[in-house]
Structure formats: structure tokens, C-alpha cells
């Protein structure tokens, strides 16, 4: 990979272990009740440690959620009936 891309990635993205922390935090924190959004606490929620964050308004768009679900089922060849 060209050095310039590595530099940009290091500046704007975080290592996989750090990227996994919000998921681990959300799955294991007994104080969370469900429905909270946990993400990196840094600028633009791109880097940082897990924190309770306000999600992007796009996550509340029902049409986008449905399309994402349908595409995910199609690409993985796995379907679930509970979302419909």
C-alpha cells in the first residue's frame, strides 16, 4: 500500500482493536439497557474510546434501514422473518 494511503488511514481511522471497543463495550456494559448508540468519542466519531454518542440522523430513516437489511440478507443468503 502506498505510504500516502497509510498516512491518511492512520490519521482518520483507528486500528482494528480500537474499532472493536465500542462493540465490546455495548455488549458487556451492564448499565446499558438497549437502544443506546456507542461509538468512538473522538472528532467525527472516527477515532477514540467508546462513549455514548448521538447517532447520525440517517440511522433513523426507515427506508434506508429496510434497504440495508434486504441487501444484507441477499449478500449473505441468510434471511430472518422477525424484521418484517
N, C-alpha and C. Protein backbone atom coordinates (compact mmCIF):
# COMPACT_ATOMS: atom_id res chain seq x y z
N UNK A 1 0.85 -1.17 0.00
CA UNK A 1 0.00 0.00 0.00
C UNK A 1 0.89 1.24 0.00
N UNK A 2 0.59 2.21 -0.84
CA UNK A 2 1.41 3.42 -0.88
C UNK A 2 1.43 4.14 0.47
N UNK A 3 2.56 4.73 0.75
CA UNK A 3 2.77 5.39 2.03
C UNK A 3 1.73 6.49 2.31
N UNK A 4 1.33 7.21 1.27
CA UNK A 4 0.36 8.29 1.48
C UNK A 4 -0.97 7.75 2.01
N UNK A 5 -1.39 6.58 1.52
CA UNK A 5 -2.64 5.99 2.00
C UNK A 5 -2.51 5.56 3.45
N UNK A 6 -1.37 4.99 3.79
CA UNK A 6 -1.15 4.59 5.18
C UNK A 6 -1.21 5.80 6.10
N UNK A 7 -0.61 6.90 5.66
CA UNK A 7 -0.64 8.12 6.47
C UNK A 7 -2.05 8.64 6.67
N UNK A 8 -2.84 8.62 5.60
CA UNK A 8 -4.23 9.08 5.70
C UNK A 8 -5.05 8.15 6.59
N UNK A 9 -4.84 6.87 6.43
CA UNK A 9 -5.57 5.91 7.25
C UNK A 9 -5.23 6.07 8.72
N UNK A 10 -3.95 6.24 9.01
CA UNK A 10 -3.54 6.42 10.40
C UNK A 10 -4.11 7.69 11.00
N UNK A 11 -4.29 8.71 10.17
CA UNK A 11 -4.81 9.98 10.68
C UNK A 11 -6.32 9.94 10.92
N UNK A 12 -7.05 9.28 10.04
CA UNK A 12 -8.51 9.34 10.10
C UNK A 12 -9.20 8.07 10.61
N UNK A 13 -8.51 6.97 10.61
CA UNK A 13 -9.10 5.72 11.06
C UNK A 13 -8.31 5.20 12.25
N UNK A 14 -8.82 4.18 12.89
CA UNK A 14 -8.10 3.63 14.03
C UNK A 14 -7.84 2.14 13.82
N UNK A 15 -6.91 1.59 14.57
CA UNK A 15 -6.60 0.17 14.43
C UNK A 15 -7.83 -0.70 14.73
N UNK A 16 -7.83 -1.91 14.22
CA UNK A 16 -8.96 -2.81 14.39
C UNK A 16 -9.32 -3.03 15.86
N UNK A 17 -8.33 -3.16 16.71
CA UNK A 17 -8.60 -3.40 18.14
C UNK A 17 -9.37 -2.22 18.74
N UNK A 18 -8.99 -1.00 18.38
CA UNK A 18 -9.72 0.17 18.87
C UNK A 18 -11.12 0.24 18.24
N UNK A 19 -11.21 -0.15 16.99
CA UNK A 19 -12.50 -0.13 16.31
C UNK A 19 -13.49 -1.12 16.91
N UNK A 20 -12.98 -2.19 17.50
CA UNK A 20 -13.83 -3.20 18.11
C UNK A 20 -14.34 -2.78 19.49
N UNK A 21 -13.67 -1.85 20.13
CA UNK A 21 -14.02 -1.48 21.50
C UNK A 21 -15.47 -1.03 21.68
N UNK A 22 -16.04 -0.19 20.82
CA UNK A 22 -17.43 0.18 21.04
C UNK A 22 -18.39 -1.02 21.03
N UNK A 23 -18.14 -1.98 20.17
CA UNK A 23 -18.99 -3.17 20.12
C UNK A 23 -18.85 -3.99 21.39
N UNK A 24 -17.61 -4.18 21.83
CA UNK A 24 -17.36 -4.92 23.07
C UNK A 24 -18.01 -4.20 24.25
N UNK A 25 -17.84 -2.90 24.30
CA UNK A 25 -18.42 -2.09 25.38
C UNK A 25 -19.94 -2.23 25.39
N UNK A 26 -20.56 -2.07 24.21
CA UNK A 26 -22.02 -2.15 24.12
C UNK A 26 -22.54 -3.53 24.52
N UNK A 27 -21.77 -4.56 24.22
CA UNK A 27 -22.21 -5.92 24.52
C UNK A 27 -22.00 -6.32 25.97
N UNK A 28 -21.13 -5.62 26.68
CA UNK A 28 -20.77 -6.07 28.02
C UNK A 28 -21.09 -5.09 29.14
N UNK A 29 -21.43 -3.85 28.85
CA UNK A 29 -21.71 -2.88 29.91
C UNK A 29 -23.09 -3.15 30.51
N UNK A 30 -23.15 -3.56 31.78
CA UNK A 30 -24.45 -3.87 32.38
C UNK A 30 -25.33 -2.63 32.58
N UNK A 31 -24.77 -1.45 32.47
CA UNK A 31 -25.54 -0.23 32.64
C UNK A 31 -26.34 0.17 31.42
N UNK A 32 -26.08 -0.45 30.29
CA UNK A 32 -26.82 -0.13 29.07
C UNK A 32 -28.11 -0.95 29.04
N UNK A 33 -29.19 -0.32 28.63
CA UNK A 33 -30.48 -1.01 28.66
C UNK A 33 -30.97 -1.42 27.27
N UNK A 34 -30.33 -0.93 26.23
CA UNK A 34 -30.74 -1.25 24.86
C UNK A 34 -31.19 0.00 24.14
N UNK A 35 -30.82 0.11 22.89
CA UNK A 35 -31.19 1.27 22.10
C UNK A 35 -30.17 2.40 22.13
N UNK A 36 -29.18 2.30 23.00
CA UNK A 36 -28.14 3.33 23.05
C UNK A 36 -27.20 3.16 21.87
N UNK A 37 -26.54 4.24 21.50
CA UNK A 37 -25.55 4.21 20.43
C UNK A 37 -24.18 4.45 21.04
N UNK A 38 -23.32 3.46 20.93
CA UNK A 38 -21.96 3.56 21.46
C UNK A 38 -21.01 3.68 20.28
N UNK A 39 -20.17 4.70 20.32
CA UNK A 39 -19.22 4.91 19.25
C UNK A 39 -17.95 5.56 19.77
N UNK A 40 -16.97 5.74 18.91
CA UNK A 40 -15.73 6.41 19.33
C UNK A 40 -16.03 7.84 19.77
N UNK A 41 -15.32 8.29 20.81
CA UNK A 41 -15.60 9.62 21.36
C UNK A 41 -14.82 10.75 20.70
N UNK A 42 -14.03 10.45 19.68
CA UNK A 42 -13.24 11.48 19.02
C UNK A 42 -14.03 12.27 17.99
N UNK A 43 -13.36 13.23 17.40
CA UNK A 43 -13.97 14.11 16.41
C UNK A 43 -14.57 13.30 15.26
N UNK A 44 -15.82 13.56 14.96
CA UNK A 44 -16.50 12.86 13.88
C UNK A 44 -16.77 11.40 14.17
N UNK A 45 -16.58 10.98 15.40
CA UNK A 45 -16.77 9.59 15.82
C UNK A 45 -15.96 8.62 14.97
N UNK A 46 -14.77 9.05 14.56
CA UNK A 46 -13.90 8.20 13.74
C UNK A 46 -12.83 7.51 14.56
N UNK A 47 -12.44 8.13 15.66
CA UNK A 47 -11.36 7.59 16.49
C UNK A 47 -11.73 7.84 17.95
N UNK A 48 -11.16 7.03 18.82
CA UNK A 48 -11.34 7.28 20.24
C UNK A 48 -11.88 6.07 20.99
N UNK A 49 -12.13 6.32 22.24
CA UNK A 49 -12.62 5.26 23.12
C UNK A 49 -14.15 5.25 23.12
N UNK A 50 -14.75 4.13 23.51
CA UNK A 50 -16.21 4.02 23.49
C UNK A 50 -16.88 5.06 24.38
N UNK A 51 -17.96 5.62 23.88
CA UNK A 51 -18.75 6.57 24.63
C UNK A 51 -20.17 6.57 24.09
N UNK A 52 -21.10 6.98 24.93
CA UNK A 52 -22.48 7.14 24.49
C UNK A 52 -22.51 8.33 23.54
N UNK A 53 -22.95 8.10 22.32
CA UNK A 53 -22.93 9.13 21.29
C UNK A 53 -24.32 9.32 20.70
N UNK A 54 -24.52 10.43 20.03
CA UNK A 54 -25.76 10.67 19.30
C UNK A 54 -25.55 10.17 17.87
N UNK A 55 -26.38 9.24 17.40
CA UNK A 55 -26.17 8.70 16.05
C UNK A 55 -26.49 9.72 14.96
N UNK A 56 -25.93 9.48 13.81
CA UNK A 56 -26.24 10.29 12.63
C UNK A 56 -27.74 10.16 12.34
N UNK A 57 -28.39 11.25 11.97
CA UNK A 57 -29.83 11.19 11.69
C UNK A 57 -30.22 10.14 10.64
N UNK A 58 -29.31 9.78 9.77
CA UNK A 58 -29.62 8.79 8.73
C UNK A 58 -30.00 7.43 9.31
N UNK A 59 -29.55 7.12 10.52
CA UNK A 59 -29.88 5.81 11.10
C UNK A 59 -31.36 5.70 11.44
N UNK A 60 -32.06 6.82 11.52
CA UNK A 60 -33.48 6.80 11.83
C UNK A 60 -34.36 6.78 10.58
N UNK A 61 -33.76 6.68 9.41
CA UNK A 61 -34.51 6.64 8.16
C UNK A 61 -34.97 5.20 7.89
N UNK A 62 -36.27 4.98 7.99
CA UNK A 62 -36.81 3.63 7.86
C UNK A 62 -36.52 3.00 6.50
N UNK A 63 -36.60 3.76 5.43
CA UNK A 63 -36.35 3.21 4.09
C UNK A 63 -34.90 2.75 3.95
N UNK A 64 -33.98 3.52 4.49
CA UNK A 64 -32.56 3.15 4.44
C UNK A 64 -32.31 1.89 5.25
N UNK A 65 -32.91 1.80 6.44
CA UNK A 65 -32.74 0.60 7.28
C UNK A 65 -33.26 -0.63 6.55
N UNK A 66 -34.44 -0.52 5.95
CA UNK A 66 -35.04 -1.66 5.25
C UNK A 66 -34.16 -2.10 4.07
N UNK A 67 -33.65 -1.14 3.32
CA UNK A 67 -32.80 -1.47 2.17
C UNK A 67 -31.51 -2.15 2.64
N UNK A 68 -30.90 -1.62 3.70
CA UNK A 68 -29.69 -2.24 4.24
C UNK A 68 -29.96 -3.67 4.68
N UNK A 69 -31.08 -3.89 5.34
CA UNK A 69 -31.43 -5.23 5.80
C UNK A 69 -31.61 -6.16 4.60
N UNK A 70 -32.36 -5.71 3.60
CA UNK A 70 -32.61 -6.54 2.42
C UNK A 70 -31.32 -6.88 1.68
N UNK A 71 -30.46 -5.90 1.49
CA UNK A 71 -29.19 -6.13 0.80
C UNK A 71 -28.32 -7.09 1.62
N UNK A 72 -28.32 -6.93 2.93
CA UNK A 72 -27.53 -7.82 3.79
C UNK A 72 -28.02 -9.26 3.67
N UNK A 73 -29.34 -9.45 3.68
CA UNK A 73 -29.88 -10.79 3.52
C UNK A 73 -29.50 -11.37 2.15
N UNK A 74 -29.59 -10.55 1.14
CA UNK A 74 -29.26 -11.02 -0.21
C UNK A 74 -27.79 -11.43 -0.32
N UNK A 75 -26.91 -10.60 0.20
CA UNK A 75 -25.47 -10.87 0.08
C UNK A 75 -25.01 -12.04 0.94
N UNK A 76 -25.67 -12.26 2.06
CA UNK A 76 -25.26 -13.36 2.95
C UNK A 76 -26.05 -14.64 2.72
N UNK A 77 -27.12 -14.55 1.93
CA UNK A 77 -28.01 -15.68 1.68
C UNK A 77 -28.61 -16.22 2.98
N UNK A 78 -28.82 -15.33 3.93
CA UNK A 78 -29.45 -15.67 5.21
C UNK A 78 -30.64 -14.75 5.39
N UNK A 79 -31.81 -15.32 5.71
CA UNK A 79 -32.98 -14.49 5.91
C UNK A 79 -33.56 -14.70 7.30
N UNK A 80 -34.17 -13.65 7.80
CA UNK A 80 -34.84 -13.68 9.09
C UNK A 80 -36.22 -13.06 8.90
N UNK A 81 -37.24 -13.64 9.51
CA UNK A 81 -38.60 -13.13 9.36
C UNK A 81 -38.97 -12.09 10.40
N UNK A 82 -38.19 -11.93 11.45
CA UNK A 82 -38.60 -11.04 12.54
C UNK A 82 -38.60 -9.57 12.19
N UNK A 83 -37.97 -9.15 11.12
CA UNK A 83 -37.91 -7.73 10.79
C UNK A 83 -39.08 -7.24 9.94
N UNK A 84 -39.90 -8.13 9.48
CA UNK A 84 -40.99 -7.72 8.57
C UNK A 84 -42.32 -7.76 9.27
